[in-house]
Amino acid sequence: MEQRYYSVEEVAEVLGLHVKTVRAHIKDGRLRAAQLGRRYRVSAADLAAFTGTPTAPEPAPTPHVEVSATARIEGISPEEARRVTAALTASVSGRDLQGPPLRVQTAHDAGRAVLTVLILGGPADTAALLRFVEALAANPR
């Protein structure tokens, strides 16, 4: 979460004081401030400490889990590889996601007749797409 900083003028307005009074508090060391060039900036935490009001605790960061999975489909023709790729691409674009964006990349090696599918996304969405890959591979046209 970003730290909020106030100018001397904003602090004066919040506290209902004159700008010169705020500067005097900074000079005396009663109000902590960072000097940037010729201007002072007061952090929200320092302003709260000065006024004696508690600062709101920062919310705990939400854990972000992303999964990468690779699937290989062997013995697949170029036409079948295009069909599987199109089906996966359509599935991803129309999916209601539960987590981070779901990304799919495929690469077909015609010489070896292998389609490699790379999936990046949230655990639940990736698992669902892997089941779809399995179903597509099990039911060739």
N, C-alpha and C. Protein backbone atom coordinates (compact mmCIF):
# COMPACT_ATOMS: atom_id res chain seq x y z
N MET A 1 0.84 -1.17 0.00
CA MET A 1 0.00 0.00 0.00
C MET A 1 0.88 1.23 0.00
N GLU A 2 0.54 2.25 -0.75
CA GLU A 2 1.35 3.45 -0.84
C GLU A 2 1.19 4.31 0.39
N GLN A 3 2.29 4.93 0.81
CA GLN A 3 2.28 5.85 1.93
C GLN A 3 1.79 7.21 1.44
N ARG A 4 0.89 7.82 2.17
CA ARG A 4 0.35 9.13 1.80
C ARG A 4 1.20 10.21 2.45
N TYR A 5 1.55 11.23 1.69
CA TYR A 5 2.32 12.37 2.19
C TYR A 5 1.52 13.64 1.99
N TYR A 6 1.63 14.55 2.96
CA TYR A 6 0.91 15.81 2.93
C TYR A 6 1.89 16.97 2.82
N SER A 7 1.47 18.01 2.12
CA SER A 7 2.26 19.24 2.08
C SER A 7 2.00 20.02 3.37
N VAL A 8 2.81 21.03 3.65
CA VAL A 8 2.62 21.86 4.83
C VAL A 8 1.25 22.53 4.78
N GLU A 9 0.86 22.96 3.59
CA GLU A 9 -0.44 23.62 3.44
C GLU A 9 -1.59 22.66 3.75
N GLU A 10 -1.46 21.40 3.30
CA GLU A 10 -2.50 20.41 3.58
C GLU A 10 -2.57 20.09 5.06
N VAL A 11 -1.42 19.98 5.73
CA VAL A 11 -1.38 19.72 7.17
C VAL A 11 -2.05 20.88 7.92
N ALA A 12 -1.74 22.11 7.50
CA ALA A 12 -2.34 23.28 8.14
C ALA A 12 -3.86 23.25 8.00
N GLU A 13 -4.34 22.88 6.84
CA GLU A 13 -5.78 22.81 6.60
C GLU A 13 -6.43 21.71 7.44
N VAL A 14 -5.78 20.54 7.51
CA VAL A 14 -6.32 19.42 8.28
C VAL A 14 -6.38 19.77 9.77
N LEU A 15 -5.34 20.43 10.28
CA LEU A 15 -5.26 20.74 11.70
C LEU A 15 -5.93 22.05 12.07
N GLY A 16 -6.29 22.83 11.06
CA GLY A 16 -6.90 24.14 11.34
C GLY A 16 -5.89 25.14 11.90
N LEU A 17 -4.66 25.02 11.45
CA LEU A 17 -3.58 25.90 11.90
C LEU A 17 -3.09 26.76 10.74
N HIS A 18 -2.32 27.77 11.08
CA HIS A 18 -1.68 28.60 10.06
C HIS A 18 -0.46 27.85 9.54
N VAL A 19 -0.10 28.08 8.28
CA VAL A 19 1.04 27.42 7.66
C VAL A 19 2.32 27.70 8.45
N LYS A 20 2.49 28.94 8.95
CA LYS A 20 3.69 29.28 9.72
C LYS A 20 3.76 28.48 11.02
N THR A 21 2.62 28.19 11.61
CA THR A 21 2.59 27.39 12.84
C THR A 21 3.05 25.97 12.56
N VAL A 22 2.58 25.41 11.45
CA VAL A 22 2.99 24.06 11.07
C VAL A 22 4.48 24.02 10.82
N ARG A 23 5.01 25.02 10.12
CA ARG A 23 6.45 25.07 9.87
C ARG A 23 7.24 25.19 11.17
N ALA A 24 6.71 25.91 12.11
CA ALA A 24 7.37 26.05 13.42
C ALA A 24 7.41 24.70 14.14
N HIS A 25 6.30 23.96 14.07
CA HIS A 25 6.28 22.62 14.69
C HIS A 25 7.31 21.71 14.02
N ILE A 26 7.48 21.82 12.73
CA ILE A 26 8.47 21.01 12.01
C ILE A 26 9.88 21.41 12.44
N LYS A 27 10.14 22.73 12.51
CA LYS A 27 11.46 23.23 12.90
C LYS A 27 11.82 22.83 14.32
N ASP A 28 10.82 22.85 15.21
CA ASP A 28 11.04 22.48 16.62
C ASP A 28 11.20 20.98 16.80
N GLY A 29 10.85 20.19 15.78
CA GLY A 29 10.95 18.75 15.87
C GLY A 29 9.73 18.09 16.47
N ARG A 30 8.68 18.85 16.72
CA ARG A 30 7.45 18.27 17.27
C ARG A 30 6.67 17.51 16.21
N LEU A 31 6.82 17.91 14.95
CA LEU A 31 6.16 17.26 13.82
C LEU A 31 7.24 16.80 12.86
N ARG A 32 7.35 15.50 12.69
CA ARG A 32 8.36 14.96 11.78
C ARG A 32 7.96 15.23 10.34
N ALA A 33 8.95 15.58 9.51
CA ALA A 33 8.70 15.84 8.10
C ALA A 33 9.97 15.57 7.32
N ALA A 34 9.79 15.23 6.07
CA ALA A 34 10.93 15.03 5.17
C ALA A 34 11.06 16.28 4.30
N GLN A 35 12.27 16.73 4.12
CA GLN A 35 12.48 17.91 3.29
C GLN A 35 12.90 17.47 1.90
N LEU A 36 12.13 17.90 0.92
CA LEU A 36 12.42 17.63 -0.48
C LEU A 36 12.69 18.96 -1.16
N GLY A 37 13.95 19.24 -1.40
CA GLY A 37 14.29 20.55 -1.95
C GLY A 37 14.00 21.61 -0.89
N ARG A 38 13.12 22.54 -1.23
CA ARG A 38 12.76 23.59 -0.28
C ARG A 38 11.40 23.34 0.38
N ARG A 39 10.81 22.20 0.10
CA ARG A 39 9.48 21.89 0.61
C ARG A 39 9.53 20.74 1.61
N TYR A 40 8.57 20.74 2.52
CA TYR A 40 8.43 19.67 3.49
C TYR A 40 7.25 18.78 3.11
N ARG A 41 7.38 17.48 3.43
CA ARG A 41 6.29 16.54 3.26
C ARG A 41 6.14 15.77 4.57
N VAL A 42 4.89 15.63 5.02
CA VAL A 42 4.59 14.96 6.27
C VAL A 42 3.85 13.67 5.94
N SER A 43 4.35 12.55 6.44
CA SER A 43 3.68 11.27 6.17
C SER A 43 2.40 11.18 7.00
N ALA A 44 1.49 10.35 6.55
CA ALA A 44 0.23 10.15 7.27
C ALA A 44 0.50 9.59 8.66
N ALA A 45 1.50 8.71 8.78
CA ALA A 45 1.84 8.14 10.09
C ALA A 45 2.38 9.21 11.03
N ASP A 46 3.23 10.11 10.51
CA ASP A 46 3.77 11.18 11.35
C ASP A 46 2.69 12.17 11.75
N LEU A 47 1.77 12.45 10.86
CA LEU A 47 0.65 13.35 11.19
C LEU A 47 -0.22 12.72 12.27
N ALA A 48 -0.48 11.40 12.15
CA ALA A 48 -1.28 10.71 13.15
C ALA A 48 -0.57 10.70 14.50
N ALA A 49 0.75 10.51 14.51
CA ALA A 49 1.51 10.53 15.75
C ALA A 49 1.48 11.92 16.38
N PHE A 50 1.54 12.94 15.58
CA PHE A 50 1.51 14.31 16.07
C PHE A 50 0.17 14.65 16.70
N THR A 51 -0.91 14.19 16.09
CA THR A 51 -2.25 14.49 16.58
C THR A 51 -2.71 13.52 17.65
N GLY A 52 -1.99 12.40 17.81
CA GLY A 52 -2.37 11.40 18.81
C GLY A 52 -3.49 10.49 18.35
N THR A 53 -3.79 10.50 17.08
CA THR A 53 -4.83 9.61 16.56
C THR A 53 -4.16 8.35 16.03
N PRO A 54 -4.80 7.22 16.24
CA PRO A 54 -4.19 5.98 15.75
C PRO A 54 -4.28 5.91 14.22
N THR A 55 -3.25 5.34 13.64
CA THR A 55 -3.28 5.13 12.20
C THR A 55 -4.00 3.83 11.93
N ALA A 56 -4.72 3.79 10.86
CA ALA A 56 -5.42 2.57 10.48
C ALA A 56 -4.39 1.53 10.08
N PRO A 57 -4.53 0.31 10.57
CA PRO A 57 -3.55 -0.72 10.19
C PRO A 57 -3.68 -1.02 8.69
N GLU A 58 -2.54 -1.24 8.10
CA GLU A 58 -2.55 -1.57 6.68
C GLU A 58 -3.12 -2.96 6.52
N PRO A 59 -3.97 -3.14 5.50
CA PRO A 59 -4.54 -4.47 5.30
C PRO A 59 -3.44 -5.46 4.90
N ALA A 60 -3.60 -6.68 5.36
CA ALA A 60 -2.63 -7.72 5.02
C ALA A 60 -2.70 -7.98 3.51
N PRO A 61 -1.56 -8.17 2.89
CA PRO A 61 -1.58 -8.42 1.46
C PRO A 61 -2.29 -9.73 1.14
N THR A 62 -3.03 -9.71 0.06
CA THR A 62 -3.73 -10.91 -0.39
C THR A 62 -2.73 -11.82 -1.08
N PRO A 63 -2.66 -13.09 -0.67
CA PRO A 63 -1.71 -13.97 -1.34
C PRO A 63 -2.07 -14.14 -2.82
N HIS A 64 -1.06 -14.13 -3.62
CA HIS A 64 -1.25 -14.27 -5.06
C HIS A 64 -0.60 -15.58 -5.48
N VAL A 65 -1.41 -16.51 -5.94
CA VAL A 65 -0.90 -17.81 -6.36
C VAL A 65 -1.12 -17.95 -7.86
N GLU A 66 -0.05 -18.28 -8.55
CA GLU A 66 -0.16 -18.52 -9.98
C GLU A 66 0.56 -19.84 -10.27
N VAL A 67 -0.03 -20.61 -11.17
CA VAL A 67 0.48 -21.93 -11.50
C VAL A 67 0.92 -21.94 -12.96
N SER A 68 1.99 -22.66 -13.24
CA SER A 68 2.36 -22.92 -14.63
C SER A 68 2.34 -24.42 -14.83
N ALA A 69 1.75 -24.83 -15.92
CA ALA A 69 1.64 -26.25 -16.23
C ALA A 69 1.97 -26.47 -17.70
N THR A 70 2.64 -27.57 -17.97
CA THR A 70 2.97 -27.93 -19.34
C THR A 70 2.38 -29.31 -19.62
N ALA A 71 1.68 -29.41 -20.73
CA ALA A 71 1.12 -30.70 -21.16
C ALA A 71 1.67 -31.02 -22.54
N ARG A 72 1.99 -32.29 -22.76
CA ARG A 72 2.47 -32.75 -24.07
C ARG A 72 1.47 -33.76 -24.60
N ILE A 73 1.02 -33.51 -25.82
CA ILE A 73 0.14 -34.46 -26.50
C ILE A 73 0.94 -35.06 -27.63
N GLU A 74 1.19 -36.36 -27.55
CA GLU A 74 2.01 -37.02 -28.55
C GLU A 74 1.14 -37.69 -29.60
N GLY A 75 1.70 -37.85 -30.80
CA GLY A 75 1.01 -38.51 -31.90
C GLY A 75 -0.15 -37.68 -32.44
N ILE A 76 0.07 -36.39 -32.58
CA ILE A 76 -0.99 -35.48 -33.01
C ILE A 76 -0.63 -34.86 -34.35
N SER A 77 -1.57 -34.86 -35.27
CA SER A 77 -1.35 -34.32 -36.61
C SER A 77 -1.43 -32.78 -36.57
N PRO A 78 -0.90 -32.12 -37.59
CA PRO A 78 -1.00 -30.66 -37.63
C PRO A 78 -2.45 -30.17 -37.59
N GLU A 79 -3.35 -30.84 -38.28
CA GLU A 79 -4.77 -30.43 -38.29
C GLU A 79 -5.37 -30.55 -36.90
N GLU A 80 -5.07 -31.67 -36.24
CA GLU A 80 -5.59 -31.90 -34.88
C GLU A 80 -4.97 -30.90 -33.91
N ALA A 81 -3.70 -30.57 -34.10
CA ALA A 81 -3.04 -29.58 -33.24
C ALA A 81 -3.71 -28.21 -33.39
N ARG A 82 -4.06 -27.84 -34.63
CA ARG A 82 -4.77 -26.56 -34.85
C ARG A 82 -6.13 -26.58 -34.17
N ARG A 83 -6.83 -27.72 -34.25
CA ARG A 83 -8.16 -27.84 -33.62
C ARG A 83 -8.05 -27.70 -32.10
N VAL A 84 -7.09 -28.38 -31.50
CA VAL A 84 -6.90 -28.30 -30.05
C VAL A 84 -6.52 -26.88 -29.64
N THR A 85 -5.61 -26.26 -30.38
CA THR A 85 -5.19 -24.89 -30.08
C THR A 85 -6.38 -23.93 -30.16
N ALA A 86 -7.19 -24.06 -31.21
CA ALA A 86 -8.36 -23.19 -31.37
C ALA A 86 -9.35 -23.40 -30.23
N ALA A 87 -9.56 -24.66 -29.83
CA ALA A 87 -10.50 -24.95 -28.74
C ALA A 87 -10.01 -24.37 -27.42
N LEU A 88 -8.70 -24.49 -27.17
CA LEU A 88 -8.15 -23.94 -25.93
C LEU A 88 -8.22 -22.41 -25.91
N THR A 89 -7.88 -21.80 -27.03
CA THR A 89 -7.93 -20.34 -27.12
C THR A 89 -9.35 -19.84 -26.91
N ALA A 90 -10.32 -20.49 -27.53
CA ALA A 90 -11.72 -20.10 -27.35
C ALA A 90 -12.16 -20.32 -25.92
N SER A 91 -11.71 -21.39 -25.30
CA SER A 91 -12.09 -21.68 -23.92
C SER A 91 -11.57 -20.63 -22.96
N VAL A 92 -10.35 -20.18 -23.18
CA VAL A 92 -9.74 -19.18 -22.29
C VAL A 92 -10.43 -17.83 -22.44
N SER A 93 -10.75 -17.43 -23.67
CA SER A 93 -11.33 -16.10 -23.88
C SER A 93 -12.76 -16.02 -23.35
N GLY A 94 -13.47 -17.13 -23.27
CA GLY A 94 -14.85 -17.10 -22.80
C GLY A 94 -15.02 -17.54 -21.36
N ARG A 95 -13.94 -17.76 -20.65
CA ARG A 95 -13.98 -18.34 -19.30
C ARG A 95 -14.20 -17.26 -18.25
N ASP A 96 -15.03 -17.56 -17.25
CA ASP A 96 -15.23 -16.71 -16.09
C ASP A 96 -14.18 -17.12 -15.07
N LEU A 97 -13.15 -16.30 -14.90
CA LEU A 97 -11.98 -16.67 -14.11
C LEU A 97 -12.20 -16.50 -12.62
N GLN A 98 -11.58 -17.39 -11.85
CA GLN A 98 -11.63 -17.32 -10.39
C GLN A 98 -10.39 -16.64 -9.82
N GLY A 99 -9.36 -16.47 -10.62
CA GLY A 99 -8.11 -15.92 -10.12
C GLY A 99 -7.46 -15.01 -11.14
N PRO A 100 -6.13 -15.03 -11.19
CA PRO A 100 -5.41 -14.18 -12.13
C PRO A 100 -5.72 -14.58 -13.58
N PRO A 101 -5.36 -13.72 -14.53
CA PRO A 101 -5.64 -14.04 -15.94
C PRO A 101 -5.05 -15.39 -16.33
N LEU A 102 -5.77 -16.06 -17.19
CA LEU A 102 -5.35 -17.38 -17.66
C LEU A 102 -4.74 -17.21 -19.05
N ARG A 103 -3.53 -17.74 -19.23
CA ARG A 103 -2.84 -17.61 -20.52
C ARG A 103 -2.46 -18.99 -21.02
N VAL A 104 -2.60 -19.17 -22.33
CA VAL A 104 -2.28 -20.45 -22.95
C VAL A 104 -1.41 -20.20 -24.17
N GLN A 105 -0.36 -21.00 -24.30
CA GLN A 105 0.47 -20.98 -25.51
C GLN A 105 0.67 -22.42 -25.94
N THR A 106 0.69 -22.61 -27.26
CA THR A 106 0.90 -23.95 -27.79
C THR A 106 2.02 -23.92 -28.81
N ALA A 107 2.67 -25.05 -28.96
CA ALA A 107 3.71 -25.21 -29.98
C ALA A 107 3.61 -26.64 -30.52
N HIS A 108 3.49 -26.75 -31.84
CA HIS A 108 3.39 -28.07 -32.45
C HIS A 108 4.68 -28.38 -33.19
N ASP A 109 5.24 -29.54 -32.90
CA ASP A 109 6.42 -30.04 -33.60
C ASP A 109 5.91 -31.12 -34.56
N ALA A 110 5.73 -30.72 -35.83
CA ALA A 110 5.16 -31.64 -36.82
C ALA A 110 6.07 -32.84 -37.06
N GLY A 111 7.39 -32.65 -37.00
CA GLY A 111 8.33 -33.75 -37.22
C GLY A 111 8.19 -34.84 -36.17
N ARG A 112 7.93 -34.47 -34.96
CA ARG A 112 7.77 -35.44 -33.86
C ARG A 112 6.31 -35.73 -33.55
N ALA A 113 5.41 -34.99 -34.17
CA ALA A 113 3.96 -35.12 -33.95
C ALA A 113 3.62 -34.91 -32.47
N VAL A 114 4.17 -33.80 -31.91
CA VAL A 114 3.95 -33.48 -30.50
C VAL A 114 3.42 -32.05 -30.39
N LEU A 115 2.36 -31.88 -29.61
CA LEU A 115 1.82 -30.56 -29.29
C LEU A 115 2.13 -30.28 -27.83
N THR A 116 2.84 -29.19 -27.57
CA THR A 116 3.14 -28.78 -26.21
C THR A 116 2.21 -27.63 -25.86
N VAL A 117 1.54 -27.75 -24.72
CA VAL A 117 0.59 -26.73 -24.26
C VAL A 117 1.13 -26.17 -22.95
N LEU A 118 1.31 -24.84 -22.88
CA LEU A 118 1.77 -24.15 -21.68
C LEU A 118 0.61 -23.34 -21.14
N ILE A 119 0.29 -23.54 -19.87
CA ILE A 119 -0.83 -22.84 -19.23
C ILE A 119 -0.30 -22.08 -18.02
N LEU A 120 -0.66 -20.80 -17.91
CA LEU A 120 -0.30 -19.96 -16.77
C LEU A 120 -1.58 -19.35 -16.22
N GLY A 121 -1.81 -19.48 -14.91
CA GLY A 121 -3.00 -18.89 -14.31
C GLY A 121 -3.19 -19.35 -12.88
N GLY A 122 -4.36 -19.06 -12.35
CA GLY A 122 -4.68 -19.48 -10.99
C GLY A 122 -4.83 -20.99 -10.91
N PRO A 123 -4.67 -21.56 -9.71
CA PRO A 123 -4.72 -23.01 -9.56
C PRO A 123 -6.02 -23.64 -10.06
N ALA A 124 -7.16 -23.10 -9.68
CA ALA A 124 -8.44 -23.70 -10.06
C ALA A 124 -8.66 -23.61 -11.57
N ASP A 125 -8.37 -22.44 -12.15
CA ASP A 125 -8.57 -22.26 -13.59
C ASP A 125 -7.61 -23.14 -14.39
N THR A 126 -6.36 -23.24 -13.93
CA THR A 126 -5.38 -24.08 -14.62
C THR A 126 -5.79 -25.55 -14.55
N ALA A 127 -6.26 -25.99 -13.40
CA ALA A 127 -6.70 -27.39 -13.26
C ALA A 127 -7.87 -27.68 -14.20
N ALA A 128 -8.81 -26.76 -14.27
CA ALA A 128 -9.97 -26.96 -15.15
C ALA A 128 -9.53 -27.03 -16.61
N LEU A 129 -8.59 -26.18 -16.99
CA LEU A 129 -8.11 -26.19 -18.37
C LEU A 129 -7.31 -27.45 -18.67
N LEU A 130 -6.56 -27.95 -17.70
CA LEU A 130 -5.84 -29.21 -17.89
C LEU A 130 -6.81 -30.37 -18.12
N ARG A 131 -7.93 -30.38 -17.41
CA ARG A 131 -8.94 -31.42 -17.64
C ARG A 131 -9.50 -31.31 -19.05
N PHE A 132 -9.65 -30.07 -19.54
CA PHE A 132 -10.14 -29.85 -20.89
C PHE A 132 -9.12 -30.35 -21.91
N VAL A 133 -7.83 -30.09 -21.67
CA VAL A 133 -6.76 -30.58 -22.55
C VAL A 133 -6.81 -32.10 -22.60
N GLU A 134 -6.99 -32.72 -21.44
CA GLU A 134 -7.07 -34.18 -21.38
C GLU A 134 -8.26 -34.71 -22.20
N ALA A 135 -9.38 -34.02 -22.08
CA ALA A 135 -10.57 -34.45 -22.83
C ALA A 135 -10.35 -34.27 -24.35
N LEU A 136 -9.73 -33.18 -24.74
CA LEU A 136 -9.46 -32.95 -26.17
C LEU A 136 -8.48 -34.01 -26.71
N ALA A 137 -7.48 -34.35 -25.94
CA ALA A 137 -6.49 -35.33 -26.38
C ALA A 137 -7.10 -36.74 -26.45
N ALA A 138 -8.05 -37.02 -25.57
CA ALA A 138 -8.66 -38.36 -25.53
C ALA A 138 -9.67 -38.57 -26.65
N ASN A 139 -10.19 -37.49 -27.21
CA ASN A 139 -11.23 -37.58 -28.23
C ASN A 139 -10.80 -36.92 -29.54
N PRO A 140 -9.79 -37.48 -30.23
CA PRO A 140 -9.39 -36.89 -31.50
C PRO A 140 -10.47 -37.10 -32.55
N ARG A 141 -10.48 -36.24 -33.52
CA ARG A 141 -11.48 -36.36 -34.61
C ARG A 141 -11.06 -37.42 -35.59
